[in-house]
Every structure is written in C-alpha cells, then in structure tokens.
Amino acid sequence: MDVSSLVIFLAIGAVAGWLAGQIIKGGGFGLVGNIIVGVVGAIVGGFLFRLLGLASFGLIGSIITATIGAVVLLYLIGLIKKM
C-alpha cells in the first residue's frame, strides 16, 4: 500500500465515522475517533455486504459501505452499554 492509498483509506474512514456519528448520536468523535470507527465500520460493512450478496464500487460505494458498517457497529456498542 502506497502513501496515497493510505491517505484515501484514512479519509474514507474519517468521513464514514463522522457520518455514522451524525446518524447515531448526533455528533462526531474527533478525527482519530472517526477514523477508528470508520475503519472498523468498513470491515463490518464489507462483511455484511458479502453476507447479503451486495457489492459496492468506487469511492462513494466505499464510503457507503463503511458508513453502514459503522452505524451497525455504533448501534451494537450502544446496546452493549445499556446492558
């Protein structure tokens, strides 16, 4: 992975984490928090999309996949915290 790919990967994570924060709790988590939530969300989203037989392509598809995964991640974390 070269530097430009890493920067794009982190930018997608930051955008997805911020979007998920807006959807779930109404705010972001700071730059590092957004990146972490977005990157883990991308993994979760990719897994869910594969289970459902869906595919996403391009930059927008990656952001959508990561955001959906991050929303699911934050929702599950919220459920666990309430227990």
C-alpha atoms as a PDB file:
ATOM      1  CA  MET A   1       0.000   0.000   0.000  1.00  0.00           C
ATOM      2  CA  ASP A   2       1.492   3.311  -1.025  1.00  0.00           C
ATOM      3  CA  VAL A   3       1.072   6.642   0.748  1.00  0.00           C
ATOM      4  CA  SER A   4      -1.761   7.909  -1.439  1.00  0.00           C
ATOM      5  CA  SER A   5      -3.797   4.723  -0.882  1.00  0.00           C
ATOM      6  CA  LEU A   6      -3.266   5.024   2.859  1.00  0.00           C
ATOM      7  CA  VAL A   7      -4.414   8.656   2.850  1.00  0.00           C
ATOM      8  CA  ILE A   8      -7.544   7.753   0.862  1.00  0.00           C
ATOM      9  CA  PHE A   9      -8.230   4.817   3.207  1.00  0.00           C
ATOM     10  CA  LEU A  10      -7.949   7.065   6.278  1.00  0.00           C
ATOM     11  CA  ALA A  11     -10.060   9.785   4.646  1.00  0.00           C
ATOM     12  CA  ILE A  12     -12.823   7.281   3.880  1.00  0.00           C
ATOM     13  CA  GLY A  13     -12.642   6.089   7.489  1.00  0.00           C
ATOM     14  CA  ALA A  14     -12.869   9.649   8.799  1.00  0.00           C
ATOM     15  CA  VAL A  15     -15.862  10.512   6.604  1.00  0.00           C
ATOM     16  CA  ALA A  16     -17.662   7.249   7.399  1.00  0.00           C
ATOM     17  CA  GLY A  17     -17.019   7.617  11.130  1.00  0.00           C
ATOM     18  CA  TRP A  18     -18.263  11.202  11.105  1.00  0.00           C
ATOM     19  CA  LEU A  19     -21.395  10.262   9.135  1.00  0.00           C
ATOM     20  CA  ALA A  20     -22.131   7.354  11.474  1.00  0.00           C
ATOM     21  CA  GLY A  21     -21.687   9.649  14.467  1.00  0.00           C
ATOM     22  CA  GLN A  22     -24.164  12.095  12.952  1.00  0.00           C
ATOM     23  CA  ILE A  23     -26.679   9.329  12.305  1.00  0.00           C
ATOM     24  CA  ILE A  24     -26.394   7.523  15.651  1.00  0.00           C
ATOM     25  CA  LYS A  25     -25.563  10.049  18.340  1.00  0.00           C
ATOM     26  CA  GLY A  26     -25.756  13.419  16.616  1.00  0.00           C
ATOM     27  CA  GLY A  27     -22.047  14.246  16.702  1.00  0.00           C
ATOM     28  CA  GLY A  28     -18.598  13.121  15.682  1.00  0.00           C
ATOM     29  CA  PHE A  29     -15.888  11.508  17.790  1.00  0.00           C
ATOM     30  CA  GLY A  30     -12.951  13.706  16.849  1.00  0.00           C
ATOM     31  CA  LEU A  31     -10.618  12.971  13.958  1.00  0.00           C
ATOM     32  CA  VAL A  32      -8.914   9.908  15.438  1.00  0.00           C
ATOM     33  CA  GLY A  33     -12.182   8.502  16.801  1.00  0.00           C
ATOM     34  CA  ASN A  34     -13.909   8.996  13.446  1.00  0.00           C
ATOM     35  CA  ILE A  35     -11.078   7.229  11.638  1.00  0.00           C
ATOM     36  CA  ILE A  36     -11.162   4.274  14.043  1.00  0.00           C
ATOM     37  CA  VAL A  37     -14.952   3.958  13.870  1.00  0.00           C
ATOM     38  CA  GLY A  38     -14.861   4.295  10.073  1.00  0.00           C
ATOM     39  CA  VAL A  39     -12.103   1.742   9.523  1.00  0.00           C
ATOM     40  CA  VAL A  40     -13.730  -0.837  11.804  1.00  0.00           C
ATOM     41  CA  GLY A  41     -17.057   0.049  10.180  1.00  0.00           C
ATOM     42  CA  ALA A  42     -15.571  -0.653   6.770  1.00  0.00           C
ATOM     43  CA  ILE A  43     -14.637  -4.137   7.931  1.00  0.00           C
ATOM     44  CA  VAL A  44     -18.095  -4.737   9.403  1.00  0.00           C
ATOM     45  CA  GLY A  45     -19.804  -3.254   6.338  1.00  0.00           C
ATOM     46  CA  GLY A  46     -17.751  -5.368   3.953  1.00  0.00           C
ATOM     47  CA  PHE A  47     -18.647  -8.479   5.923  1.00  0.00           C
ATOM     48  CA  LEU A  48     -22.356  -7.593   5.948  1.00  0.00           C
ATOM     49  CA  PHE A  49     -22.392  -6.738   2.246  1.00  0.00           C
ATOM     50  CA  ARG A  50     -20.748 -10.087   1.422  1.00  0.00           C
ATOM     51  CA  LEU A  51     -23.324 -11.930   3.546  1.00  0.00           C
ATOM     52  CA  LEU A  52     -26.151 -10.197   1.685  1.00  0.00           C
ATOM     53  CA  GLY A  53     -24.543 -10.714  -1.716  1.00  0.00           C
ATOM     54  CA  LEU A  54     -24.133  -6.971  -2.321  1.00  0.00           C
ATOM     55  CA  ALA A  55     -21.187  -5.184  -3.850  1.00  0.00           C
ATOM     56  CA  SER A  56     -20.045  -1.572  -3.871  1.00  0.00           C
ATOM     57  CA  PHE A  57     -17.641   0.089  -6.249  1.00  0.00           C
ATOM     58  CA  GLY A  58     -15.653   3.278  -6.272  1.00  0.00           C
ATOM     59  CA  LEU A  59     -15.121   5.952  -3.682  1.00  0.00           C
ATOM     60  CA  ILE A  60     -18.810   6.599  -2.974  1.00  0.00           C
ATOM     61  CA  GLY A  61     -19.510   2.874  -2.642  1.00  0.00           C
ATOM     62  CA  SER A  62     -16.639   2.536  -0.170  1.00  0.00           C
ATOM     63  CA  ILE A  63     -17.960   5.439   1.901  1.00  0.00           C
ATOM     64  CA  ILE A  64     -21.479   3.977   1.895  1.00  0.00           C
ATOM     65  CA  THR A  65     -20.233   0.518   2.888  1.00  0.00           C
ATOM     66  CA  ALA A  66     -18.040   1.901   5.669  1.00  0.00           C
ATOM     67  CA  THR A  67     -20.817   4.186   6.933  1.00  0.00           C
ATOM     68  CA  ILE A  68     -23.369   1.380   7.090  1.00  0.00           C
ATOM     69  CA  GLY A  69     -20.873  -0.816   8.904  1.00  0.00           C
ATOM     70  CA  ALA A  70     -20.008   1.999  11.327  1.00  0.00           C
ATOM     71  CA  VAL A  71     -23.693   2.641  12.058  1.00  0.00           C
ATOM     72  CA  VAL A  72     -24.205  -1.057  12.816  1.00  0.00           C
ATOM     73  CA  LEU A  73     -21.065  -1.031  14.982  1.00  0.00           C
ATOM     74  CA  LEU A  74     -22.190   2.021  16.977  1.00  0.00           C
ATOM     75  CA  TYR A  75     -25.689   0.586  17.366  1.00  0.00           C
ATOM     76  CA  LEU A  76     -24.302  -2.689  18.758  1.00  0.00           C
ATOM     77  CA  ILE A  77     -21.965  -0.812  21.096  1.00  0.00           C
ATOM     78  CA  GLY A  78     -24.942   1.210  22.319  1.00  0.00           C
ATOM     79  CA  LEU A  79     -26.891  -1.962  23.009  1.00  0.00           C
ATOM     80  CA  ILE A  80     -23.994  -3.479  24.935  1.00  0.00           C
ATOM     81  CA  LYS A  81     -23.554  -0.307  27.016  1.00  0.00           C
ATOM     82  CA  LYS A  82     -27.217  -0.381  28.051  1.00  0.00           C
ATOM     83  CA  MET A  83     -26.901  -3.894  29.476  1.00  0.00           C
END
